[in-house]
N, C-alpha and C. Protein backbone atom coordinates (compact mmCIF):
# COMPACT_ATOMS: atom_id res chain seq x y z
N UNK A 1 120.90 167.75 71.67
CA UNK A 1 122.04 169.05 70.73
C UNK A 1 121.73 170.33 71.59
N UNK A 2 123.10 170.76 72.03
CA UNK A 2 123.26 171.66 72.89
C UNK A 2 122.39 172.81 71.97
N UNK A 3 121.35 173.54 72.83
CA UNK A 3 120.31 174.73 72.25
C UNK A 3 121.30 175.67 72.48
N UNK A 4 122.36 176.06 73.68
CA UNK A 4 122.73 177.41 73.78
C UNK A 4 123.86 178.25 72.69
N UNK A 5 123.98 179.46 72.95
CA UNK A 5 124.52 180.09 71.63
C UNK A 5 125.99 179.29 72.21
N UNK A 6 127.02 179.56 71.51
CA UNK A 6 128.12 179.22 71.75
C UNK A 6 128.87 180.46 71.67
N UNK A 7 130.28 180.75 72.28
CA UNK A 7 130.82 181.95 72.58
C UNK A 7 131.91 181.74 71.42
N UNK A 8 132.42 182.99 71.10
CA UNK A 8 133.45 183.14 70.41
C UNK A 8 135.00 182.83 71.28
N UNK A 9 135.98 182.62 70.42
CA UNK A 9 137.12 182.62 71.32
C UNK A 9 137.20 183.60 71.30
N UNK A 10 137.78 184.77 72.44
CA UNK A 10 138.97 185.69 72.70
C UNK A 10 139.84 185.91 72.14
N UNK A 11 140.61 187.44 71.47
CA UNK A 11 141.43 187.13 71.51
C UNK A 11 143.10 187.56 72.09
N UNK A 12 144.29 186.72 72.47
CA UNK A 12 144.91 186.41 73.65
C UNK A 12 146.45 187.61 73.20
N UNK A 13 146.79 188.16 74.57
CA UNK A 13 148.24 188.88 74.03
C UNK A 13 149.14 187.91 74.07
N UNK A 14 149.15 186.54 74.96
CA UNK A 14 150.18 185.99 75.00
C UNK A 14 149.85 184.50 75.09
N UNK A 15 150.52 183.22 75.15
CA UNK A 15 150.70 182.38 74.97
C UNK A 15 149.88 181.97 76.87
N UNK A 16 150.84 182.94 77.77
CA UNK A 16 150.83 182.57 78.85
C UNK A 16 148.91 182.71 79.45
N UNK A 17 149.16 184.16 78.74
CA UNK A 17 147.12 184.65 79.11
C UNK A 17 146.49 183.87 78.93
N UNK A 18 146.32 183.38 77.42
CA UNK A 18 146.08 181.80 77.34
C UNK A 18 145.60 180.60 77.66
N UNK A 19 146.76 180.11 78.95
CA UNK A 19 146.97 179.29 78.85
C UNK A 19 145.99 179.78 80.10
N UNK A 20 145.80 180.35 80.62
CA UNK A 20 145.19 180.54 82.31
C UNK A 20 144.12 180.91 81.69
N UNK A 21 143.73 181.40 80.15
CA UNK A 21 142.64 181.29 80.15
C UNK A 21 141.31 179.99 80.65
N UNK A 22 141.94 179.11 79.41
CA UNK A 22 141.59 177.44 79.25
C UNK A 22 141.79 176.86 80.66
N UNK A 23 142.46 177.50 81.71
CA UNK A 23 142.17 176.65 82.74
C UNK A 23 141.72 176.58 83.29
N UNK A 24 140.69 177.93 82.90
CA UNK A 24 138.81 178.63 84.30
C UNK A 24 138.27 178.68 82.87
N UNK A 25 138.00 178.12 81.82
CA UNK A 25 136.59 177.45 80.84
C UNK A 25 136.40 176.62 80.52
N UNK A 26 135.67 176.66 79.76
CA UNK A 26 135.26 174.88 79.40
C UNK A 26 135.09 175.16 77.95
N UNK A 27 135.74 174.49 76.96
CA UNK A 27 136.23 174.75 76.00
C UNK A 27 134.92 174.58 75.15
N UNK A 28 134.29 173.46 75.79
CA UNK A 28 132.85 173.03 74.71
C UNK A 28 132.11 173.86 74.66
N UNK A 29 132.06 175.04 75.44
CA UNK A 29 130.78 176.34 75.14
C UNK A 29 131.30 177.24 74.26
N UNK A 30 132.80 176.61 73.25
CA UNK A 30 132.94 177.51 72.97
C UNK A 30 132.47 177.41 71.02
N UNK A 31 132.82 178.30 69.97
CA UNK A 31 132.26 177.67 68.54
C UNK A 31 133.87 177.84 67.77
N UNK A 32 134.02 176.48 67.50
CA UNK A 32 135.16 176.15 66.78
C UNK A 32 135.25 175.83 65.53
N UNK A 33 135.89 175.94 64.53
CA UNK A 33 136.10 176.52 63.00
C UNK A 33 137.07 174.78 62.94
N UNK A 34 136.54 174.42 61.90
CA UNK A 34 137.55 173.19 61.64
C UNK A 34 137.99 173.34 60.65
N UNK A 35 139.29 172.61 60.48
CA UNK A 35 140.62 172.89 60.01
C UNK A 35 140.89 172.08 59.16
N UNK A 36 142.01 171.89 58.56
CA UNK A 36 142.21 170.40 57.34
C UNK A 36 143.89 170.62 58.25
N UNK A 37 143.88 168.74 58.51
CA UNK A 37 144.80 168.48 58.41
C UNK A 37 145.74 167.09 57.80
N UNK A 38 147.01 167.02 57.63
CA UNK A 38 147.48 166.06 56.74
C UNK A 38 148.37 165.63 58.03
N UNK A 39 147.98 164.21 57.75
CA UNK A 39 148.98 163.44 58.66
C UNK A 39 150.28 162.29 57.81
N UNK A 40 151.42 162.89 58.20
CA UNK A 40 151.94 161.92 57.53
C UNK A 40 152.30 160.72 57.77
N UNK A 41 152.90 159.84 56.67
CA UNK A 41 153.32 158.35 57.19
C UNK A 41 154.31 158.23 57.92
N UNK A 42 154.57 157.10 59.20
CA UNK A 42 155.53 156.87 59.90
C UNK A 42 156.87 156.55 59.21
N UNK A 43 157.46 157.53 60.07
CA UNK A 43 159.03 156.93 59.42
C UNK A 43 159.26 155.54 59.01
N UNK A 44 160.42 155.35 58.00
CA UNK A 44 160.57 153.88 57.41
C UNK A 44 161.73 152.96 58.63
N UNK A 45 162.56 154.05 58.29
CA UNK A 45 164.15 153.63 58.62
C UNK A 45 164.10 154.06 60.42
N UNK A 46 164.75 153.25 61.19
CA UNK A 46 165.32 153.53 62.17
C UNK A 46 166.65 153.28 62.72
N UNK A 47 167.34 153.91 63.49
CA UNK A 47 169.22 154.15 63.09
C UNK A 47 169.43 154.17 64.25
N UNK A 48 169.87 152.98 64.60
CA UNK A 48 170.41 152.78 66.36
C UNK A 48 171.75 153.89 66.71
N UNK A 49 171.62 154.54 67.37
CA UNK A 49 173.15 155.37 68.25
C UNK A 49 173.37 154.85 69.48
N UNK A 50 174.46 154.09 69.28
CA UNK A 50 175.03 154.25 70.92
C UNK A 50 175.46 155.30 71.52
N UNK A 51 174.72 155.52 72.52
CA UNK A 51 174.98 156.70 73.81
C UNK A 51 175.19 156.66 75.31
N UNK A 52 176.12 157.22 75.44
CA UNK A 52 176.06 156.91 77.01
C UNK A 52 174.94 156.84 77.71
N UNK A 53 175.09 156.87 78.91
CA UNK A 53 173.81 156.69 79.63
C UNK A 53 173.26 158.49 80.28
N UNK A 54 174.68 158.96 80.50
CA UNK A 54 174.52 160.48 80.96
C UNK A 54 173.97 161.05 79.80
N UNK A 55 174.39 160.85 78.71
CA UNK A 55 173.91 161.73 77.30
C UNK A 55 172.74 161.45 77.33
N UNK A 56 172.12 160.18 76.83
CA UNK A 56 170.34 159.82 77.16
C UNK A 56 169.94 160.54 78.19
N UNK A 57 170.24 160.45 79.27
CA UNK A 57 169.34 161.06 80.03
C UNK A 57 169.21 162.61 80.13
N UNK A 58 170.38 163.22 79.68
CA UNK A 58 170.25 164.26 79.04
C UNK A 58 169.51 165.04 77.92
N UNK A 59 169.74 164.08 77.20
CA UNK A 59 168.77 164.58 76.12
C UNK A 59 167.24 164.14 76.53
N UNK A 60 166.72 163.27 77.70
CA UNK A 60 165.63 163.35 78.36
C UNK A 60 165.30 164.30 78.80
N UNK A 61 166.14 164.98 79.78
CA UNK A 61 165.84 166.24 80.41
C UNK A 61 165.31 167.66 79.50
N UNK A 62 166.55 167.61 78.68
CA UNK A 62 166.47 168.71 77.99
C UNK A 62 164.75 168.63 76.99
N UNK A 63 164.28 166.93 76.33
CA UNK A 63 162.98 166.57 75.79
C UNK A 63 162.24 167.07 76.67
N UNK A 64 161.75 167.22 77.54
CA UNK A 64 161.03 166.96 78.69
C UNK A 64 160.98 168.54 78.99
N UNK A 65 161.71 169.22 79.00
CA UNK A 65 161.38 170.83 79.46
C UNK A 65 160.89 171.49 77.80
N UNK A 66 160.94 170.69 76.83
CA UNK A 66 160.14 171.03 75.54
C UNK A 66 159.23 170.70 75.83
N UNK A 67 158.65 169.87 76.29
CA UNK A 67 157.23 169.14 76.03
C UNK A 67 157.04 168.08 74.68
N UNK A 68 158.43 167.20 74.23
CA UNK A 68 158.51 166.65 73.40
C UNK A 68 159.13 164.93 73.94
N UNK A 69 159.61 163.95 73.13
CA UNK A 69 159.85 162.46 73.28
C UNK A 69 161.27 163.35 72.92
N UNK A 70 162.01 162.08 73.64
CA UNK A 70 163.48 162.09 73.21
C UNK A 70 163.78 161.95 71.77
N UNK A 71 163.25 160.95 71.38
CA UNK A 71 163.78 160.49 69.68
C UNK A 71 163.11 161.71 68.94
N UNK A 72 162.12 163.07 69.55
CA UNK A 72 161.91 163.45 68.31
C UNK A 72 163.17 164.42 68.39
N UNK A 73 163.18 164.94 69.79
CA UNK A 73 164.39 165.65 70.48
C UNK A 73 165.73 165.63 69.33
N UNK A 74 166.18 164.06 69.15
CA UNK A 74 167.40 163.67 68.47
C UNK A 74 166.50 163.80 66.76
N UNK A 75 166.38 163.13 67.07
CA UNK A 75 165.80 163.62 65.75
C UNK A 75 165.63 165.30 64.43
N UNK A 76 164.80 166.37 65.56
CA UNK A 76 165.16 167.34 65.50
C UNK A 76 166.70 168.20 64.84
N UNK A 77 167.57 167.49 66.31
CA UNK A 77 168.87 167.94 66.11
C UNK A 77 169.56 167.51 64.99
N UNK A 78 169.33 166.33 64.29
CA UNK A 78 169.74 165.76 63.21
C UNK A 78 169.68 166.41 62.12
N UNK A 79 168.04 166.36 61.88
CA UNK A 79 167.71 167.32 60.62
C UNK A 79 167.69 168.69 60.88
N UNK A 80 168.48 169.33 61.88
CA UNK A 80 169.10 170.59 61.86
C UNK A 80 170.50 170.78 61.09
N UNK A 81 171.20 169.83 61.64
CA UNK A 81 172.12 169.88 61.43
C UNK A 81 172.50 169.46 60.19
N UNK A 82 171.42 168.71 59.27
CA UNK A 82 171.52 168.27 57.61
C UNK A 82 171.43 169.58 57.59
N UNK A 83 170.36 170.02 57.71
CA UNK A 83 169.95 171.24 56.83
C UNK A 83 171.14 172.66 57.26
N UNK A 84 171.56 172.15 57.78
CA UNK A 84 173.39 173.88 58.27
C UNK A 84 174.45 173.61 57.31
N UNK A 85 174.59 172.11 57.24
CA UNK A 85 175.25 171.48 56.30
C UNK A 85 175.19 172.03 55.05
N UNK A 86 174.07 171.37 54.43
CA UNK A 86 173.79 171.21 52.75
C UNK A 86 173.58 172.85 52.87
N UNK A 87 173.13 173.61 53.55
CA UNK A 87 172.81 174.80 53.28
C UNK A 87 174.14 175.81 52.78
N UNK A 88 175.28 175.09 53.83
CA UNK A 88 176.66 175.89 53.45
C UNK A 88 177.75 175.36 52.31
N UNK A 89 176.83 173.90 52.46
CA UNK A 89 177.99 173.43 50.85
C UNK A 89 177.61 173.83 49.58
């Protein structure tokens, strides 16, 4: 067991500052608080949609820039539109 005293995580002004900090510091040297996490069940239904190849490529590009998968992005967009539609109905 590590006998060194663990450091407290500093407060950061921005995500950029935090990213720079963790790029140069070892996270195992810090004191972490446990969190509670819930894991949802996998989605039950698959829905196939026919799209043009250029549309699929554009979705992939946008998703990559957001750091998520293309199917996650498509699902987010569908849920957003459903929410807008039901909110205005």
